């Protein structure tokens, strides 16, 4: 399997994982019918990639140029809707699907950006956008605080994973190995944030009376 085909496979696995995550999250937070659940699953799955493609000038976005992105996202939404009774009994299903989607999208989004001709720094940023964009759109649609603003590590793991995937090959080694390493780093940071309470440093604003002392 060529690197391009493997990148596509990883991208589609991320689409399916994020569609499951988005649809299950929508059912947990709101009361929606089948159309609403599938729609939020699709938005979560392809929203970040579409934002990336628009910024790269790749129009129409890949999700609209091909059939398999939207088809995979729709299947994920339907599986979540009809199989939620089974999925919600699994151990931390939302964390699993969210972590998979975040990790895979961070590295595939960055690699796609590189192949489009942008520099390493821009590729890392676009990899992060690919990973968090869809979930942010979903949270806005269901009127909740986006995960990237909720205090736990989310955008930072995506950026770290994208950076490993982009900068690693410049040190030597195969792109696939570094892509998997980036996905692993992202997954480890995200899981640690949820399971161990890891957080990014917070700014501490002193009260006006304290500043006068």
Protein backbone atom coordinates (compact mmCIF):
# COMPACT_ATOMS: atom_id res chain seq x y z
CA UNK A 1 0.00 0.00 0.00
CA UNK A 2 1.40 3.39 -1.00
CA UNK A 3 1.84 6.23 1.48
CA UNK A 4 -1.01 8.13 -0.21
CA UNK A 5 -3.42 5.22 0.13
CA UNK A 6 -2.40 4.65 3.74
CA UNK A 7 -2.96 8.33 4.49
CA UNK A 8 -6.46 8.01 3.03
CA UNK A 9 -7.20 4.92 5.13
CA UNK A 10 -6.08 6.69 8.31
CA UNK A 11 -8.16 9.71 7.35
CA UNK A 12 -11.28 7.57 6.86
CA UNK A 13 -10.72 5.79 10.18
CA UNK A 14 -10.57 9.23 11.78
CA UNK A 15 -13.78 10.23 9.99
CA UNK A 16 -15.58 7.15 11.31
CA UNK A 17 -14.28 7.64 14.85
CA UNK A 18 -15.25 11.32 14.96
CA UNK A 19 -18.67 10.58 13.44
CA UNK A 20 -19.34 8.07 16.23
CA UNK A 21 -18.06 10.52 18.83
CA UNK A 22 -20.06 13.45 17.46
CA UNK A 23 -23.29 11.49 17.18
CA UNK A 24 -22.98 9.94 20.67
CA UNK A 25 -22.12 13.33 22.16
CA UNK A 26 -25.15 14.87 20.46
CA UNK A 27 -27.46 12.20 21.90
CA UNK A 28 -25.97 12.64 25.36
CA UNK A 29 -26.37 16.42 25.40
CA UNK A 30 -29.61 16.95 23.46
CA UNK A 31 -32.80 15.26 22.32
CA UNK A 32 -32.48 14.91 18.55
CA UNK A 33 -34.10 12.80 15.88
CA UNK A 34 -32.21 10.57 13.45
CA UNK A 35 -31.48 13.41 11.04
CA UNK A 36 -30.11 15.65 13.79
CA UNK A 37 -27.87 12.96 15.23
CA UNK A 38 -26.42 11.99 11.84
CA UNK A 39 -25.96 15.65 10.89
CA UNK A 40 -23.92 16.39 14.01
CA UNK A 41 -21.92 13.22 13.45
CA UNK A 42 -21.10 14.34 9.91
CA UNK A 43 -20.23 17.88 11.03
CA UNK A 44 -17.86 16.51 13.67
CA UNK A 45 -16.26 14.13 11.18
CA UNK A 46 -15.66 16.39 8.18
CA UNK A 47 -15.93 19.93 9.56
CA UNK A 48 -12.26 20.32 10.44
CA UNK A 49 -11.07 18.89 7.13
CA UNK A 50 -13.36 21.21 5.20
CA UNK A 51 -12.05 24.25 7.08
CA UNK A 52 -8.50 23.13 6.29
CA UNK A 53 -9.25 22.68 2.60
CA UNK A 54 -10.90 26.11 2.37
CA UNK A 55 -7.82 27.76 3.90
CA UNK A 56 -5.59 25.83 1.49
CA UNK A 57 -7.72 26.91 -1.47
CA UNK A 58 -8.58 23.28 -2.24
CA UNK A 59 -12.09 23.89 -3.52
CA UNK A 60 -14.45 22.21 -3.38
CA UNK A 61 -13.20 20.51 -0.20
CA UNK A 62 -12.25 16.83 -0.38
CA UNK A 63 -15.39 15.86 1.52
CA UNK A 64 -17.45 17.27 -1.36
CA UNK A 65 -15.21 16.08 -4.22
CA UNK A 66 -15.51 12.42 -3.29
CA UNK A 67 -18.27 10.17 -2.00
CA UNK A 68 -16.42 8.18 0.64
CA UNK A 69 -15.88 10.91 3.25
CA UNK A 70 -19.56 11.78 3.63
CA UNK A 71 -20.56 8.12 3.24
CA UNK A 72 -18.19 7.05 6.04
CA UNK A 73 -19.37 9.87 8.30
CA UNK A 74 -23.03 9.01 7.63
CA UNK A 75 -22.43 5.34 8.41
CA UNK A 76 -20.76 6.36 11.68
CA UNK A 77 -23.74 8.52 12.63
CA UNK A 78 -26.20 5.72 11.83
CA UNK A 79 -24.19 3.18 13.83
CA UNK A 80 -24.19 5.54 16.81
CA UNK A 81 -27.93 6.19 16.52
CA UNK A 82 -29.02 2.57 16.20
CA UNK A 83 -26.27 1.05 18.34
CA UNK A 84 -25.97 3.60 21.12
CA UNK A 85 -27.40 1.16 23.69
CA UNK A 86 -24.45 -1.15 23.07
CA UNK A 87 -21.80 1.53 22.54
CA UNK A 88 -22.61 3.40 25.74
CA UNK A 89 -22.06 0.21 27.75
CA UNK A 90 -18.47 0.03 26.53
CA UNK A 91 -15.72 1.43 28.74
CA UNK A 92 -15.37 5.13 28.00
CA UNK A 93 -16.55 4.95 24.36
CA UNK A 94 -16.59 8.70 23.87
CA UNK A 95 -12.99 9.03 25.05
CA UNK A 96 -11.93 6.21 22.72
CA UNK A 97 -13.60 7.62 19.62
CA UNK A 98 -12.63 11.21 20.41
CA UNK A 99 -8.99 10.27 21.01
CA UNK A 100 -8.82 8.21 17.82
CA UNK A 101 -10.32 10.97 15.70
CA UNK A 102 -8.20 13.70 17.27
CA UNK A 103 -4.95 11.76 16.87
CA UNK A 104 -5.52 10.58 13.31
CA UNK A 105 -6.82 13.91 12.05
CA UNK A 106 -3.89 15.80 13.58
CA UNK A 107 -1.33 13.80 11.60
CA UNK A 108 -3.29 13.30 8.38
CA UNK A 109 -4.35 16.96 8.30
CA UNK A 110 -0.76 18.06 8.71
CA UNK A 111 0.51 15.72 6.01
CA UNK A 112 -2.23 16.84 3.60
CA UNK A 113 -1.28 20.46 4.26
CA UNK A 114 2.38 19.68 3.55
CA UNK A 115 1.48 17.98 0.28
CA UNK A 116 -0.48 21.12 -0.66
CA UNK A 117 2.77 23.09 -0.50
CA UNK A 118 2.62 25.01 2.79
CA UNK A 119 5.53 25.30 5.20
CA UNK A 120 6.06 23.10 8.28
CA UNK A 121 4.68 25.66 10.74
CA UNK A 122 1.53 26.21 8.72
CA UNK A 123 1.11 22.46 8.30
CA UNK A 124 1.21 21.96 12.07
CA UNK A 125 -1.44 24.64 12.59
CA UNK A 126 -3.66 23.17 9.88
CA UNK A 127 -3.21 19.70 11.36
CA UNK A 128 -4.45 21.06 14.67
CA UNK A 129 -7.38 22.77 12.95
CA UNK A 130 -8.32 19.55 11.18
CA UNK A 131 -8.36 17.74 14.52
CA UNK A 132 -10.37 20.22 16.60
CA UNK A 133 -12.46 22.04 14.00
CA UNK A 134 -15.30 19.54 13.64
CA UNK A 135 -15.75 19.01 17.37
CA UNK A 136 -15.80 22.76 17.94
CA UNK A 137 -18.51 23.23 15.31
CA UNK A 138 -20.52 20.43 16.94
CA UNK A 139 -20.28 22.02 20.38
CA UNK A 140 -21.37 25.39 19.02
CA UNK A 141 -24.39 23.77 17.33
CA UNK A 142 -25.51 22.08 20.55
CA UNK A 143 -24.82 25.29 22.50
CA UNK A 144 -22.16 24.00 24.87
CA UNK A 145 -18.70 25.31 25.72
CA UNK A 146 -16.32 23.96 23.04
CA UNK A 147 -13.97 21.26 24.28
CA UNK A 148 -10.93 23.36 23.36
CA UNK A 149 -12.09 25.95 25.95
CA UNK A 150 -13.20 23.52 28.66
CA UNK A 151 -9.90 23.41 30.54
CA UNK A 152 -8.58 19.97 29.57
CA UNK A 153 -5.86 19.35 27.01
CA UNK A 154 -7.37 19.14 23.54
CA UNK A 155 -5.82 21.51 21.02
CA UNK A 156 -2.33 21.11 22.52
CA UNK A 157 -2.20 17.31 22.00
CA UNK A 158 -3.35 17.82 18.40
CA UNK A 159 -0.61 20.38 17.76
CA UNK A 160 2.02 18.14 19.37
CA UNK A 161 0.94 15.18 17.24
CA UNK A 162 0.97 17.29 14.09
CA UNK A 163 4.42 18.67 14.94
CA UNK A 164 5.86 15.18 15.39
CA UNK A 165 4.39 14.05 12.06
CA UNK A 166 5.70 17.13 10.24
CA UNK A 167 9.12 17.65 11.83
CA UNK A 168 10.06 14.04 12.53
CA UNK A 169 10.84 13.02 8.93
CA UNK A 170 13.35 15.88 8.71
CA UNK A 171 15.40 14.02 11.33
CA UNK A 172 15.37 10.85 9.24
CA UNK A 173 13.09 7.84 9.03
CA UNK A 174 9.89 6.98 7.21
CA UNK A 175 6.94 9.34 7.18
CA UNK A 176 4.60 6.55 8.27
CA UNK A 177 6.63 5.84 11.40
CA UNK A 178 6.64 9.50 12.40
CA UNK A 179 2.92 9.82 11.61
CA UNK A 180 2.14 6.91 13.93
CA UNK A 181 4.47 8.41 16.56
CA UNK A 182 2.62 11.72 16.28
CA UNK A 183 -0.74 10.02 16.63
CA UNK A 184 0.55 8.14 19.67
CA UNK A 185 1.85 11.30 21.31
CA UNK A 186 -1.47 13.06 20.73
CA UNK A 187 -3.45 10.10 22.09
CA UNK A 188 -1.26 9.85 25.19
CA UNK A 189 -1.63 13.54 26.05
CA UNK A 190 -5.39 13.51 25.44
CA UNK A 191 -5.94 10.36 27.48
CA UNK A 192 -3.76 11.71 30.28
CA UNK A 193 -5.81 14.90 30.34
CA UNK A 194 -9.05 12.99 30.78
CA UNK A 195 -7.87 10.13 32.99
CA UNK A 196 -5.21 11.88 35.08
CA UNK A 197 -6.46 15.46 35.03
CA UNK A 198 -3.52 16.94 33.12
CA UNK A 199 -4.09 20.58 32.22
CA UNK A 200 -2.24 23.36 30.48
CA UNK A 201 -0.89 26.19 32.68
CA UNK A 202 -3.58 28.67 33.67
CA UNK A 203 -3.15 32.41 33.86
CA UNK A 204 -3.64 33.87 37.34
CA UNK A 205 -5.16 37.33 37.40
CA UNK A 206 -4.57 39.18 40.65
CA UNK A 207 -7.34 41.28 42.13
CA UNK A 208 -6.91 45.10 41.87
CA UNK A 209 -6.47 45.45 45.64
CA UNK A 210 -3.64 42.90 45.58
CA UNK A 211 -1.87 44.87 42.87
CA UNK A 212 -1.90 48.00 45.02
CA UNK A 213 -0.09 46.31 47.90
